[in-house]
Amino acid sequence: MEKHYEGEVVGRSATLFTAAFDQATGVGTYVAMESSEGSLHGCGGAFDFAHSATTSGSDRTAEFFTIVPSSGTGELSGISGAGGTAIDADGTHRIWFDYELGELS
């Protein structure tokens, strides 16, 4: 799937997404790998991140979200860190990053 971002993250990502999910009960787990390109707080480039979560139908547990080491390019070269996803009541997904920019050895 392709996602488009706006706000402090601007750009798009190509996402490999798989899930074991029961539509009737809303219970399941997903795993995703994303390759993003655009800008993060005004720094342009690309980087990859992985995330997953489990739901019992009304919550999110076992959440995992990490920026893939050594995946940054351009001004995002050396990016490292984590992040997360928040889901609004209307179903809007909001992504956030807790990251550092620096040179990798």
PDB file of N, CA and C in Angstrom:
ATOM      1  N   MET A   1       0.843  -1.169   0.000  1.00  0.00           N
ATOM      2  CA  MET A   1       0.000   0.000   0.000  1.00  0.00           C
ATOM      3  C   MET A   1       0.892   1.236   0.000  1.00  0.00           C
ATOM      4  N   GLU A   2       0.366   2.338  -0.478  1.00  0.00           N
ATOM      5  CA  GLU A   2       1.093   3.607  -0.443  1.00  0.00           C
ATOM      6  C   GLU A   2       0.362   4.538   0.516  1.00  0.00           C
ATOM      7  N   LYS A   3       1.131   5.212   1.369  1.00  0.00           N
ATOM      8  CA  LYS A   3       0.570   6.163   2.318  1.00  0.00           C
ATOM      9  C   LYS A   3       1.110   7.549   1.993  1.00  0.00           C
ATOM     10  N   HIS A   4       0.316   8.570   2.281  1.00  0.00           N
ATOM     11  CA  HIS A   4       0.735   9.959   2.101  1.00  0.00           C
ATOM     12  C   HIS A   4       0.636  10.656   3.457  1.00  0.00           C
ATOM     13  N   TYR A   5       1.670  11.446   3.772  1.00  0.00           N
ATOM     14  CA  TYR A   5       1.743  12.126   5.059  1.00  0.00           C
ATOM     15  C   TYR A   5       1.722  13.634   4.867  1.00  0.00           C
ATOM     16  N   GLU A   6       1.139  14.313   5.852  1.00  0.00           N
ATOM     17  CA  GLU A   6       1.177  15.774   5.888  1.00  0.00           C
ATOM     18  C   GLU A   6       1.272  16.219   7.330  1.00  0.00           C
ATOM     19  N   GLY A   7       1.862  17.365   7.542  1.00  0.00           N
ATOM     20  CA  GLY A   7       2.098  17.877   8.892  1.00  0.00           C
ATOM     21  C   GLY A   7       3.583  18.033   9.094  1.00  0.00           C
ATOM     22  N   GLU A   8       4.093  17.620  10.259  1.00  0.00           N
ATOM     23  CA  GLU A   8       5.532  17.690  10.509  1.00  0.00           C
ATOM     24  C   GLU A   8       6.280  16.619   9.727  1.00  0.00           C
ATOM     25  N   VAL A   9       5.571  15.592   9.293  1.00  0.00           N
ATOM     26  CA  VAL A   9       6.101  14.595   8.361  1.00  0.00           C
ATOM     27  C   VAL A   9       5.369  14.825   7.047  1.00  0.00           C
ATOM     28  N   VAL A  10       6.123  15.088   5.983  1.00  0.00           N
ATOM     29  CA  VAL A  10       5.522  15.335   4.674  1.00  0.00           C
ATOM     30  C   VAL A  10       6.139  14.359   3.687  1.00  0.00           C
ATOM     31  N   GLY A  11       5.318  13.682   2.931  1.00  0.00           N
ATOM     32  CA  GLY A  11       5.841  12.772   1.926  1.00  0.00           C
ATOM     33  C   GLY A  11       4.959  11.569   1.738  1.00  0.00           C
ATOM     34  N   ARG A  12       5.597  10.481   1.334  1.00  0.00           N
ATOM     35  CA  ARG A  12       4.846   9.253   1.069  1.00  0.00           C
ATOM     36  C   ARG A  12       5.690   8.060   1.520  1.00  0.00           C
ATOM     37  N   SER A  13       5.018   6.930   1.680  1.00  0.00           N
ATOM     38  CA  SER A  13       5.742   5.705   1.993  1.00  0.00           C
ATOM     39  C   SER A  13       5.109   4.546   1.236  1.00  0.00           C
ATOM     40  N   ALA A  14       5.959   3.609   0.865  1.00  0.00           N
ATOM     41  CA  ALA A  14       5.506   2.338   0.318  1.00  0.00           C
ATOM     42  C   ALA A  14       5.543   1.356   1.479  1.00  0.00           C
ATOM     43  N   THR A  15       4.443   0.647   1.696  1.00  0.00           N
ATOM     44  CA  THR A  15       4.302  -0.201   2.878  1.00  0.00           C
ATOM     45  C   THR A  15       4.010  -1.638   2.497  1.00  0.00           C
ATOM     46  N   LEU A  16       4.802  -2.559   3.060  1.00  0.00           N
ATOM     47  CA  LEU A  16       4.496  -3.982   2.999  1.00  0.00           C
ATOM     48  C   LEU A  16       3.767  -4.303   4.300  1.00  0.00           C
ATOM     49  N   PHE A  17       2.516  -4.723   4.203  1.00  0.00           N
ATOM     50  CA  PHE A  17       1.642  -4.869   5.355  1.00  0.00           C
ATOM     51  C   PHE A  17       1.025  -6.261   5.325  1.00  0.00           C
ATOM     52  N   THR A  18       1.079  -6.957   6.438  1.00  0.00           N
ATOM     53  CA  THR A  18       0.385  -8.237   6.545  1.00  0.00           C
ATOM     54  C   THR A  18      -0.285  -8.319   7.917  1.00  0.00           C
ATOM     55  N   ALA A  19      -1.376  -9.058   7.970  1.00  0.00           N
ATOM     56  CA  ALA A  19      -2.114  -9.157   9.229  1.00  0.00           C
ATOM     57  C   ALA A  19      -2.815 -10.498   9.344  1.00  0.00           C
ATOM     58  N   ALA A  20      -2.955 -10.946  10.568  1.00  0.00           N
ATOM     59  CA  ALA A  20      -3.840 -12.048  10.919  1.00  0.00           C
ATOM     60  C   ALA A  20      -4.948 -11.377  11.723  1.00  0.00           C
ATOM     61  N   PHE A  21      -6.102 -11.193  11.093  1.00  0.00           N
ATOM     62  CA  PHE A  21      -7.130 -10.327  11.666  1.00  0.00           C
ATOM     63  C   PHE A  21      -8.507 -10.917  11.403  1.00  0.00           C
ATOM     64  N   ASP A  22      -9.336 -10.981  12.440  1.00  0.00           N
ATOM     65  CA  ASP A  22     -10.713 -11.449  12.322  1.00  0.00           C
ATOM     66  C   ASP A  22     -11.623 -10.232  12.183  1.00  0.00           C
ATOM     67  N   GLN A  23     -12.134 -10.007  10.996  1.00  0.00           N
ATOM     68  CA  GLN A  23     -12.990  -8.834  10.727  1.00  0.00           C
ATOM     69  C   GLN A  23     -14.234  -8.818  11.616  1.00  0.00           C
ATOM     70  N   ALA A  24     -14.783  -9.972  11.914  1.00  0.00           N
ATOM     71  CA  ALA A  24     -16.020 -10.042  12.702  1.00  0.00           C
ATOM     72  C   ALA A  24     -15.821  -9.573  14.141  1.00  0.00           C
ATOM     73  N   THR A  25     -14.677  -9.920  14.743  1.00  0.00           N
ATOM     74  CA  THR A  25     -14.457  -9.577  16.149  1.00  0.00           C
ATOM     75  C   THR A  25     -13.512  -8.386  16.327  1.00  0.00           C
ATOM     76  N   GLY A  26     -12.773  -8.021  15.279  1.00  0.00           N
ATOM     77  CA  GLY A  26     -11.804  -6.928  15.381  1.00  0.00           C
ATOM     78  C   GLY A  26     -10.551  -7.324  16.140  1.00  0.00           C
ATOM     79  N   VAL A  27     -10.267  -8.626  16.216  1.00  0.00           N
ATOM     80  CA  VAL A  27      -9.119  -9.139  16.957  1.00  0.00           C
ATOM     81  C   VAL A  27      -8.037  -9.573  15.978  1.00  0.00           C
ATOM     82  N   GLY A  28      -6.787  -9.193  16.261  1.00  0.00           N
ATOM     83  CA  GLY A  28      -5.707  -9.645  15.402  1.00  0.00           C
ATOM     84  C   GLY A  28      -4.410  -8.900  15.628  1.00  0.00           C
ATOM     85  N   THR A  29      -3.443  -9.206  14.764  1.00  0.00           N
ATOM     86  CA  THR A  29      -2.107  -8.609  14.826  1.00  0.00           C
ATOM     87  C   THR A  29      -1.680  -8.234  13.418  1.00  0.00           C
ATOM     88  N   TYR A  30      -0.981  -7.089  13.279  1.00  0.00           N
ATOM     89  CA  TYR A  30      -0.420  -6.709  11.994  1.00  0.00           C
ATOM     90  C   TYR A  30       1.083  -6.487  12.136  1.00  0.00           C
ATOM     91  N   VAL A  31       1.793  -6.599  11.029  1.00  0.00           N
ATOM     92  CA  VAL A  31       3.221  -6.302  10.931  1.00  0.00           C
ATOM     93  C   VAL A  31       3.414  -5.506   9.648  1.00  0.00           C
ATOM     94  N   ALA A  32       4.208  -4.425   9.703  1.00  0.00           N
ATOM     95  CA  ALA A  32       4.429  -3.589   8.520  1.00  0.00           C
ATOM     96  C   ALA A  32       5.869  -3.111   8.432  1.00  0.00           C
ATOM     97  N   MET A  33       6.368  -3.017   7.197  1.00  0.00           N
ATOM     98  CA  MET A  33       7.661  -2.397   6.882  1.00  0.00           C
ATOM     99  C   MET A  33       7.360  -1.246   5.940  1.00  0.00           C
ATOM    100  N   GLU A  34       7.889  -0.050   6.249  1.00  0.00           N
ATOM    101  CA  GLU A  34       7.629   1.114   5.406  1.00  0.00           C
ATOM    102  C   GLU A  34       8.932   1.751   4.954  1.00  0.00           C
ATOM    103  N   SER A  35       8.958   2.159   3.697  1.00  0.00           N
ATOM    104  CA  SER A  35      10.053   2.953   3.136  1.00  0.00           C
ATOM    105  C   SER A  35       9.463   4.319   2.841  1.00  0.00           C
ATOM    106  N   SER A  36       9.921   5.330   3.565  1.00  0.00           N
ATOM    107  CA  SER A  36       9.343   6.666   3.428  1.00  0.00           C
ATOM    108  C   SER A  36      10.310   7.604   2.730  1.00  0.00           C
ATOM    109  N   GLU A  37       9.739   8.590   2.036  1.00  0.00           N
ATOM    110  CA  GLU A  37      10.525   9.604   1.342  1.00  0.00           C
ATOM    111  C   GLU A  37       9.801  10.930   1.475  1.00  0.00           C
ATOM    112  N   GLY A  38      10.534  11.975   1.844  1.00  0.00           N
ATOM    113  CA  GLY A  38       9.938  13.287   2.011  1.00  0.00           C
ATOM    114  C   GLY A  38      10.745  14.103   2.989  1.00  0.00           C
ATOM    115  N   SER A  39      10.059  14.655   3.994  1.00  0.00           N
ATOM    116  CA  SER A  39      10.776  15.428   5.007  1.00  0.00           C
ATOM    117  C   SER A  39      10.186  15.161   6.385  1.00  0.00           C
ATOM    118  N   LEU A  40      11.058  15.254   7.372  1.00  0.00           N
ATOM    119  CA  LEU A  40      10.696  15.070   8.772  1.00  0.00           C
ATOM    120  C   LEU A  40      11.173  16.311   9.502  1.00  0.00           C
ATOM    121  N   HIS A  41      10.232  17.115   9.992  1.00  0.00           N
ATOM    122  CA  HIS A  41      10.554  18.400  10.632  1.00  0.00           C
ATOM    123  C   HIS A  41      11.497  19.241   9.768  1.00  0.00           C
ATOM    124  N   GLY A  42      11.242  19.261   8.452  1.00  0.00           N
ATOM    125  CA  GLY A  42      12.002  20.095   7.534  1.00  0.00           C
ATOM    126  C   GLY A  42      13.280  19.486   6.988  1.00  0.00           C
ATOM    127  N   CYS A  43      13.677  18.302   7.453  1.00  0.00           N
ATOM    128  CA  CYS A  43      14.879  17.630   6.940  1.00  0.00           C
ATOM    129  C   CYS A  43      14.449  16.643   5.856  1.00  0.00           C
ATOM    130  N   GLY A  44      14.998  16.813   4.649  1.00  0.00           N
ATOM    131  CA  GLY A  44      14.599  15.989   3.517  1.00  0.00           C
ATOM    132  C   GLY A  44      15.431  14.729   3.378  1.00  0.00           C
ATOM    133  N   GLY A  45      14.808  13.682   2.868  1.00  0.00           N
ATOM    134  CA  GLY A  45      15.502  12.425   2.619  1.00  0.00           C
ATOM    135  C   GLY A  45      14.545  11.260   2.684  1.00  0.00           C
ATOM    136  N   ALA A  46      15.090  10.111   2.961  1.00  0.00           N
ATOM    137  CA  ALA A  46      14.299   8.885   3.044  1.00  0.00           C
ATOM    138  C   ALA A  46      14.801   8.039   4.217  1.00  0.00           C
ATOM    139  N   PHE A  47      13.943   7.184   4.740  1.00  0.00           N
ATOM    140  CA  PHE A  47      14.327   6.212   5.763  1.00  0.00           C
ATOM    141  C   PHE A  47      13.251   5.149   5.850  1.00  0.00           C
ATOM    142  N   ASP A  48      13.601   4.036   6.459  1.00  0.00           N
ATOM    143  CA  ASP A  48      12.682   2.917   6.618  1.00  0.00           C
ATOM    144  C   ASP A  48      12.305   2.759   8.087  1.00  0.00           C
ATOM    145  N   PHE A  49      11.107   2.235   8.329  1.00  0.00           N
ATOM    146  CA  PHE A  49      10.702   1.919   9.690  1.00  0.00           C
ATOM    147  C   PHE A  49       9.785   0.705   9.689  1.00  0.00           C
ATOM    148  N   ALA A  50       9.768   0.011  10.813  1.00  0.00           N
ATOM    149  CA  ALA A  50       8.951  -1.189  10.989  1.00  0.00           C
ATOM    150  C   ALA A  50       8.026  -0.985  12.179  1.00  0.00           C
ATOM    151  N   HIS A  51       6.812  -1.534  12.084  1.00  0.00           N
ATOM    152  CA  HIS A  51       5.892  -1.423  13.216  1.00  0.00           C
ATOM    153  C   HIS A  51       4.908  -2.580  13.222  1.00  0.00           C
ATOM    154  N   SER A  52       4.380  -2.853  14.410  1.00  0.00           N
ATOM    155  CA  SER A  52       3.374  -3.903  14.577  1.00  0.00           C
ATOM    156  C   SER A  52       2.560  -3.611  15.829  1.00  0.00           C
ATOM    157  N   ALA A  53       1.405  -4.238  15.912  1.00  0.00           N
ATOM    158  CA  ALA A  53       0.545  -4.115  17.099  1.00  0.00           C
ATOM    159  C   ALA A  53      -0.473  -5.243  17.078  1.00  0.00           C
ATOM    160  N   THR A  54      -1.034  -5.480  18.247  1.00  0.00           N
ATOM    161  CA  THR A  54      -2.098  -6.471  18.423  1.00  0.00           C
ATOM    162  C   THR A  54      -3.303  -5.755  18.995  1.00  0.00           C
ATOM    163  N   THR A  55      -4.511  -6.195  18.615  1.00  0.00           N
ATOM    164  CA  THR A  55      -5.720  -5.625  19.175  1.00  0.00           C
ATOM    165  C   THR A  55      -6.678  -6.732  19.601  1.00  0.00           C
ATOM    166  N   SER A  56      -7.384  -6.472  20.695  1.00  0.00           N
ATOM    167  CA  SER A  56      -8.438  -7.390  21.131  1.00  0.00           C
ATOM    168  C   SER A  56      -9.793  -6.884  20.661  1.00  0.00           C
ATOM    169  N   GLY A  57      -9.772  -5.838  19.833  1.00  0.00           N
ATOM    170  CA  GLY A  57     -10.999  -5.266  19.304  1.00  0.00           C
ATOM    171  C   GLY A  57     -11.249  -3.861  19.785  1.00  0.00           C
ATOM    172  N   SER A  58     -10.746  -3.513  20.974  1.00  0.00           N
ATOM    173  CA  SER A  58     -10.987  -2.176  21.514  1.00  0.00           C
ATOM    174  C   SER A  58      -9.717  -1.517  22.041  1.00  0.00           C
ATOM    175  N   ASP A  59      -8.561  -2.176  21.845  1.00  0.00           N
ATOM    176  CA  ASP A  59      -7.316  -1.616  22.370  1.00  0.00           C
ATOM    177  C   ASP A  59      -6.162  -1.985  21.438  1.00  0.00           C
ATOM    178  N   ARG A  60      -4.988  -1.443  21.723  1.00  0.00           N
ATOM    179  CA  ARG A  60      -3.761  -1.807  21.017  1.00  0.00           C
ATOM    180  C   ARG A  60      -2.740  -2.213  22.068  1.00  0.00           C
ATOM    181  N   THR A  61      -2.165  -3.406  21.903  1.00  0.00           N
ATOM    182  CA  THR A  61      -1.149  -3.889  22.832  1.00  0.00           C
ATOM    183  C   THR A  61       0.038  -4.398  22.033  1.00  0.00           C
ATOM    184  N   ALA A  62       1.095  -4.743  22.741  1.00  0.00           N
ATOM    185  CA  ALA A  62       2.300  -5.304  22.120  1.00  0.00           C
ATOM    186  C   ALA A  62       2.761  -4.456  20.941  1.00  0.00           C
ATOM    187  N   GLU A  63       2.676  -3.119  21.092  1.00  0.00           N
ATOM    188  CA  GLU A  63       3.082  -2.228  20.007  1.00  0.00           C
ATOM    189  C   GLU A  63       4.600  -2.210  19.858  1.00  0.00           C
ATOM    190  N   PHE A  64       5.044  -2.196  18.622  1.00  0.00           N
ATOM    191  CA  PHE A  64       6.458  -2.146  18.282  1.00  0.00           C
ATOM    192  C   PHE A  64       6.621  -1.139  17.152  1.00  0.00           C
ATOM    193  N   PHE A  65       7.615  -0.255  17.245  1.00  0.00           N
ATOM    194  CA  PHE A  65       7.843   0.753  16.211  1.00  0.00           C
ATOM    195  C   PHE A  65       9.313   1.160  16.273  1.00  0.00           C
ATOM    196  N   THR A  66      10.066   0.923  15.210  1.00  0.00           N
ATOM    197  CA  THR A  66      11.481   1.278  15.198  1.00  0.00           C
ATOM    198  C   THR A  66      11.905   1.807  13.836  1.00  0.00           C
ATOM    199  N   ILE A  67      12.820   2.752  13.834  1.00  0.00           N
ATOM    200  CA  ILE A  67      13.446   3.220  12.605  1.00  0.00           C
ATOM    201  C   ILE A  67      14.569   2.240  12.289  1.00  0.00           C
ATOM    202  N   VAL A  68      14.631   1.780  11.050  1.00  0.00           N
ATOM    203  CA  VAL A  68      15.637   0.794  10.649  1.00  0.00           C
ATOM    204  C   VAL A  68      17.014   1.454  10.638  1.00  0.00           C
ATOM    205  N   PRO A  69      17.970   0.917  11.405  1.00  0.00           N
ATOM    206  CA  PRO A  69      19.322   1.503  11.450  1.00  0.00           C
ATOM    207  C   PRO A  69      19.956   1.564  10.059  1.00  0.00           C
ATOM    208  N   SER A  70      20.703   2.623   9.808  1.00  0.00           N
ATOM    209  CA  SER A  70      21.443   2.839   8.555  1.00  0.00           C
ATOM    210  C   SER A  70      20.556   2.995   7.332  1.00  0.00           C
ATOM    211  N   SER A  71      19.264   3.259   7.509  1.00  0.00           N
ATOM    212  CA  SER A  71      18.366   3.383   6.365  1.00  0.00           C
ATOM    213  C   SER A  71      18.197   4.827   5.881  1.00  0.00           C
ATOM    214  N   GLY A  72      18.656   5.811   6.649  1.00  0.00           N
ATOM    215  CA  GLY A  72      18.445   7.212   6.300  1.00  0.00           C
ATOM    216  C   GLY A  72      19.308   7.681   5.143  1.00  0.00           C
ATOM    217  N   THR A  73      18.729   8.564   4.312  1.00  0.00           N
ATOM    218  CA  THR A  73      19.454   9.193   3.213  1.00  0.00           C
ATOM    219  C   THR A  73      19.268  10.702   3.280  1.00  0.00           C
ATOM    220  N   GLY A  74      20.091  11.434   2.529  1.00  0.00           N
ATOM    221  CA  GLY A  74      19.974  12.894   2.484  1.00  0.00           C
ATOM    222  C   GLY A  74      20.171  13.495   3.858  1.00  0.00           C
ATOM    223  N   GLU A  75      19.359  14.487   4.191  1.00  0.00           N
ATOM    224  CA  GLU A  75      19.453  15.138   5.499  1.00  0.00           C
ATOM    225  C   GLU A  75      19.018  14.218   6.642  1.00  0.00           C
ATOM    226  N   LEU A  76      18.434  13.084   6.310  1.00  0.00           N
ATOM    227  CA  LEU A  76      18.009  12.118   7.325  1.00  0.00           C
ATOM    228  C   LEU A  76      19.023  10.992   7.492  1.00  0.00           C
ATOM    229  N   SER A  77      20.196  11.154   6.888  1.00  0.00           N
ATOM    230  CA  SER A  77      21.263  10.177   7.043  1.00  0.00           C
ATOM    231  C   SER A  77      21.637  10.083   8.515  1.00  0.00           C
ATOM    232  N   GLY A  78      21.792   8.875   9.013  1.00  0.00           N
ATOM    233  CA  GLY A  78      22.140   8.682  10.416  1.00  0.00           C
ATOM    234  C   GLY A  78      20.956   8.708  11.359  1.00  0.00           C
ATOM    235  N   ILE A  79      19.729   8.770  10.831  1.00  0.00           N
ATOM    236  CA  ILE A  79      18.550   8.796  11.703  1.00  0.00           C
ATOM    237  C   ILE A  79      18.452   7.485  12.491  1.00  0.00           C
ATOM    238  N   SER A  80      18.061   7.612  13.746  1.00  0.00           N
ATOM    239  CA  SER A  80      17.821   6.447  14.595  1.00  0.00           C
ATOM    240  C   SER A  80      16.703   6.798  15.558  1.00  0.00           C
ATOM    241  N   GLY A  81      16.067   5.779  16.081  1.00  0.00           N
ATOM    242  CA  GLY A  81      15.032   6.034  17.070  1.00  0.00           C
ATOM    243  C   GLY A  81      13.836   5.131  16.906  1.00  0.00           C
ATOM    244  N   ALA A  82      12.711   5.620  17.408  1.00  0.00           N
ATOM    245  CA  ALA A  82      11.476   4.845  17.449  1.00  0.00           C
ATOM    246  C   ALA A  82      10.310   5.769  17.124  1.00  0.00           C
ATOM    247  N   GLY A  83       9.124   5.337  17.448  1.00  0.00           N
ATOM    248  CA  GLY A  83       7.936   6.145  17.191  1.00  0.00           C
ATOM    249  C   GLY A  83       6.704   5.400  17.631  1.00  0.00           C
ATOM    250  N   GLY A  84       5.599   5.775  17.046  1.00  0.00           N
ATOM    251  CA  GLY A  84       4.346   5.130  17.394  1.00  0.00           C
ATOM    252  C   GLY A  84       3.217   5.601  16.513  1.00  0.00           C
ATOM    253  N   THR A  85       2.075   4.985  16.703  1.00  0.00           N
ATOM    254  CA  THR A  85       0.869   5.323  15.956  1.00  0.00           C
ATOM    255  C   THR A  85      -0.259   5.569  16.946  1.00  0.00           C
ATOM    256  N   ALA A  86      -0.984   6.652  16.735  1.00  0.00           N
ATOM    257  CA  ALA A  86      -2.186   6.941  17.517  1.00  0.00           C
ATOM    258  C   ALA A  86      -3.363   6.912  16.551  1.00  0.00           C
ATOM    259  N   ILE A  87      -4.489   6.376  16.983  1.00  0.00           N
ATOM    260  CA  ILE A  87      -5.666   6.288  16.133  1.00  0.00           C
ATOM    261  C   ILE A  87      -6.781   7.110  16.763  1.00  0.00           C
ATOM    262  N   ASP A  88      -7.241   8.121  16.009  1.00  0.00           N
ATOM    263  CA  ASP A  88      -8.316   8.994  16.475  1.00  0.00           C
ATOM    264  C   ASP A  88      -9.647   8.245  16.470  1.00  0.00           C
ATOM    265  N   ALA A  89     -10.628   8.794  17.161  1.00  0.00           N
ATOM    266  CA  ALA A  89     -11.954   8.184  17.240  1.00  0.00           C
ATOM    267  C   ALA A  89     -12.577   7.994  15.856  1.00  0.00           C
ATOM    268  N   ASP A  90     -12.252   8.889  14.905  1.00  0.00           N
ATOM    269  CA  ASP A  90     -12.810   8.778  13.550  1.00  0.00           C
ATOM    270  C   ASP A  90     -12.015   7.823  12.655  1.00  0.00           C
ATOM    271  N   GLY A  91     -10.974   7.154  13.225  1.00  0.00           N
ATOM    272  CA  GLY A  91     -10.180   6.209  12.462  1.00  0.00           C
ATOM    273  C   GLY A  91      -8.932   6.793  11.819  1.00  0.00           C
ATOM    274  N   THR A  92      -8.738   8.101  11.934  1.00  0.00           N
ATOM    275  CA  THR A  92      -7.530   8.729  11.390  1.00  0.00           C
ATOM    276  C   THR A  92      -6.316   8.206  12.135  1.00  0.00           C
ATOM    277  N   HIS A  93      -5.314   7.770  11.385  1.00  0.00           N
ATOM    278  CA  HIS A  93      -4.066   7.284  11.963  1.00  0.00           C
ATOM    279  C   HIS A  93      -3.044   8.415  11.980  1.00  0.00           C
ATOM    280  N   ARG A  94      -2.430   8.630  13.137  1.00  0.00           N
ATOM    281  CA  ARG A  94      -1.395   9.660  13.286  1.00  0.00           C
ATOM    282  C   ARG A  94      -0.109   8.982  13.732  1.00  0.00           C
ATOM    283  N   ILE A  95       0.970   9.280  13.030  1.00  0.00           N
ATOM    284  CA  ILE A  95       2.258   8.663  13.308  1.00  0.00           C
ATOM    285  C   ILE A  95       3.175   9.705  13.939  1.00  0.00           C
ATOM    286  N   TRP A  96       4.005   9.283  14.877  1.00  0.00           N
ATOM    287  CA  TRP A  96       4.975  10.192  15.497  1.00  0.00           C
ATOM    288  C   TRP A  96       6.318   9.493  15.598  1.00  0.00           C
ATOM    289  N   PHE A  97       7.377  10.308  15.634  1.00  0.00           N
ATOM    290  CA  PHE A  97       8.737   9.787  15.718  1.00  0.00           C
ATOM    291  C   PHE A  97       9.470  10.424  16.883  1.00  0.00           C
ATOM    292  N   ASP A  98      10.229   9.628  17.609  1.00  0.00           N
ATOM    293  CA  ASP A  98      11.166  10.074  18.637  1.00  0.00           C
ATOM    294  C   ASP A  98      12.532   9.675  18.091  1.00  0.00           C
ATOM    295  N   TYR A  99      13.256  10.621  17.497  1.00  0.00           N
ATOM    296  CA  TYR A  99      14.433  10.274  16.722  1.00  0.00           C
ATOM    297  C   TYR A  99      15.614  11.202  17.008  1.00  0.00           C
ATOM    298  N   GLU A 100      16.789  10.752  16.578  1.00  0.00           N
ATOM    299  CA  GLU A 100      18.001  11.550  16.605  1.00  0.00           C
ATOM    300  C   GLU A 100      18.645  11.480  15.231  1.00  0.00           C
ATOM    301  N   LEU A 101      19.278  12.563  14.839  1.00  0.00           N
ATOM    302  CA  LEU A 101      20.053  12.574  13.591  1.00  0.00           C
ATOM    303  C   LEU A 101      21.521  12.622  13.974  1.00  0.00           C
ATOM    304  N   GLY A 102      22.303  11.778  13.355  1.00  0.00           N
ATOM    305  CA  GLY A 102      23.732  11.752  13.653  1.00  0.00           C
ATOM    306  C   GLY A 102      24.450  10.858  12.688  1.00  0.00           C
ATOM    307  N   GLU A 103      25.719  10.926  12.720  1.00  0.00           N
ATOM    308  CA  GLU A 103      26.548  10.085  11.859  1.00  0.00           C
ATOM    309  C   GLU A 103      26.633   8.689  12.432  1.00  0.00           C
ATOM    310  N   LEU A 104      26.520   7.701  11.575  1.00  0.00           N
ATOM    311  CA  LEU A 104      26.721   6.314  11.996  1.00  0.00           C
ATOM    312  C   LEU A 104      28.147   5.916  11.760  1.00  0.00           C
ATOM    313  N   SER A 105      28.720   5.137  12.660  1.00  0.00           N
ATOM    314  CA  SER A 105      30.099   4.674  12.518  1.00  0.00           C
ATOM    315  C   SER A 105      30.169   3.493  11.584  1.00  0.00           C
TER     316      SER A 105
END
